[in-house]
Amino acid sequence: MIDDSDTVIVKYAECNNCGAAHKIYDICKSEILVGRDEVKSQLSIQDFKFSLPTDLYDLLIHYKKDLPDFEMAQYVIDNGQWHASMVLTREELDDHTQGKILRFLSKEKFKIESYTHRETI
């Protein structure tokens, strides 16, 4: 999370890669918290059931999205970042990448769109 002065807000989280607790202090920079395997204050996906619109929560569950996706959805809604988007699916076929994105239109309105990009060399 970045504040209004473009400074990263320190966050503690369990790494979905190594499972250890990390102190995140900059973009793509963190340090492992020695002796800690969990961060009990970290929100779980289930916690978002109470703060996200039901349809949005159910949609993210359906697409098996990870915790950072739920955090992003909450951020978009809390900060009115309408027309922001999130990748729901992505697959590469020959020289094309295609999938679905979720576009945020308002607090209670969302749209799923298909996309296709042709890879150029």
Protein backbone atom coordinates (compact mmCIF):
# COMPACT_ATOMS: atom_id res chain seq x y z
CA MET A 1 0.00 0.00 0.00
CA ILE A 2 1.32 3.45 -0.92
CA ASP A 3 0.26 6.63 0.89
CA ASP A 4 -0.43 10.07 -0.61
CA SER A 5 3.27 11.00 -0.46
CA ASP A 6 4.23 7.92 -2.55
CA THR A 7 5.72 6.17 0.49
CA VAL A 8 5.14 2.47 1.04
CA ILE A 9 3.19 1.77 4.21
CA VAL A 10 4.92 -0.98 6.20
CA LYS A 11 2.89 -4.19 6.33
CA TYR A 12 3.37 -7.58 7.92
CA ALA A 13 2.21 -10.65 6.03
CA GLU A 14 2.67 -14.37 5.65
CA CYS A 15 4.45 -15.11 2.39
CA ASN A 16 2.42 -17.20 -0.04
CA ASN A 17 5.71 -18.38 -1.51
CA CYS A 18 7.81 -19.50 1.47
CA GLY A 19 5.21 -19.47 4.27
CA ALA A 20 7.33 -17.30 6.59
CA ALA A 21 6.21 -14.02 8.14
CA HIS A 22 7.63 -10.96 6.37
CA LYS A 23 7.92 -7.26 7.09
CA ILE A 24 7.18 -5.55 3.76
CA TYR A 25 8.85 -2.14 3.74
CA ASP A 26 9.12 -1.20 0.05
CA ILE A 27 7.96 -2.34 -3.36
CA CYS A 28 9.36 -5.84 -3.91
CA LYS A 29 11.39 -5.57 -0.68
CA SER A 30 10.80 -7.40 2.56
CA GLU A 31 12.63 -9.08 5.39
CA ILE A 32 11.78 -12.34 7.08
CA LEU A 33 10.71 -12.03 10.70
CA VAL A 34 12.98 -14.53 12.42
CA GLY A 35 11.13 -16.86 14.79
CA ARG A 36 7.68 -15.96 13.41
CA ASP A 37 5.77 -18.25 11.08
CA GLU A 38 2.47 -16.41 11.19
CA VAL A 39 1.02 -12.95 11.49
CA LYS A 40 -2.23 -13.22 13.41
CA SER A 41 -3.27 -9.65 12.59
CA GLN A 42 -3.21 -10.36 8.85
CA LEU A 43 -6.68 -10.44 7.32
CA SER A 44 -7.83 -13.73 5.85
CA ILE A 45 -9.92 -14.15 2.72
CA GLN A 46 -12.90 -14.98 4.94
CA ASP A 47 -12.55 -11.60 6.71
CA PHE A 48 -13.41 -9.84 3.45
CA LYS A 49 -16.84 -11.48 3.43
CA PHE A 50 -17.94 -8.77 5.87
CA SER A 51 -16.51 -5.76 4.01
CA LEU A 52 -16.91 -6.53 0.31
CA PRO A 53 -20.24 -6.63 -1.56
CA THR A 54 -21.53 -10.22 -1.53
CA ASP A 55 -21.51 -10.54 -5.32
CA LEU A 56 -17.90 -9.37 -5.52
CA TYR A 57 -16.77 -11.65 -2.69
CA ASP A 58 -18.50 -14.64 -4.32
CA LEU A 59 -16.97 -13.79 -7.70
CA LEU A 60 -13.43 -13.67 -6.28
CA ILE A 61 -14.02 -16.98 -4.50
CA HIS A 62 -15.36 -18.53 -7.73
CA TYR A 63 -12.21 -17.51 -9.61
CA LYS A 64 -10.02 -18.77 -6.73
CA LYS A 65 -8.28 -15.42 -6.28
CA ASP A 66 -5.56 -14.94 -3.65
CA LEU A 67 -5.51 -12.68 -0.60
CA PRO A 68 -3.80 -9.77 -2.43
CA ASP A 69 -6.68 -9.74 -4.93
CA PHE A 70 -9.21 -9.36 -2.09
CA GLU A 71 -7.05 -6.58 -0.62
CA MET A 72 -6.95 -4.82 -3.99
CA ALA A 73 -10.74 -5.08 -4.39
CA GLN A 74 -11.20 -3.57 -0.93
CA TYR A 75 -8.76 -0.77 -1.75
CA VAL A 76 -10.52 0.04 -5.05
CA ILE A 77 -13.91 0.23 -3.35
CA ASP A 78 -12.68 2.20 -0.32
CA ASN A 79 -10.90 4.75 -2.52
CA GLY A 80 -13.42 4.98 -5.37
CA GLN A 81 -10.94 3.85 -8.00
CA TRP A 82 -13.71 3.21 -10.55
CA HIS A 83 -12.64 1.70 -13.85
CA ALA A 84 -9.70 -0.04 -12.18
CA SER A 85 -9.42 -3.63 -13.32
CA MET A 86 -8.19 -6.98 -12.07
CA VAL A 87 -7.15 -10.04 -14.10
CA LEU A 88 -9.42 -12.98 -13.35
CA THR A 89 -7.99 -15.48 -15.85
CA ARG A 90 -5.04 -15.53 -18.22
CA GLU A 91 -3.88 -18.10 -20.72
CA GLU A 92 -1.41 -18.15 -23.56
CA LEU A 93 -2.40 -19.74 -26.87
CA ASP A 94 0.12 -19.66 -29.72
CA ASP A 95 0.95 -15.97 -30.19
CA HIS A 96 -2.05 -14.69 -28.20
CA THR A 97 -2.73 -14.05 -24.54
CA GLN A 98 -6.36 -14.06 -23.59
CA GLY A 99 -8.51 -14.13 -20.51
CA LYS A 100 -11.04 -12.25 -18.43
CA ILE A 101 -10.77 -9.06 -16.41
CA LEU A 102 -13.00 -7.64 -13.71
CA ARG A 103 -13.70 -3.92 -14.14
CA PHE A 104 -14.92 -1.92 -11.14
CA LEU A 105 -17.67 0.51 -12.24
CA SER A 106 -19.02 1.60 -8.84
CA LYS A 107 -19.31 0.33 -5.27
CA GLU A 108 -21.97 -2.21 -6.23
CA LYS A 109 -21.44 -2.56 -9.98
CA PHE A 110 -18.80 -4.69 -11.69
CA LYS A 111 -18.30 -6.01 -15.19
CA ILE A 112 -16.43 -9.04 -16.49
CA GLU A 113 -14.80 -8.50 -19.88
CA SER A 114 -12.84 -10.79 -22.18
CA TYR A 115 -9.51 -9.65 -23.53
CA THR A 116 -7.09 -10.86 -26.20
CA HIS A 117 -3.59 -9.57 -26.87
CA ARG A 118 -1.47 -10.66 -29.78
CA GLU A 119 2.21 -11.04 -28.99
CA THR A 120 4.41 -9.15 -31.44
CA ILE A 121 8.10 -9.65 -32.00
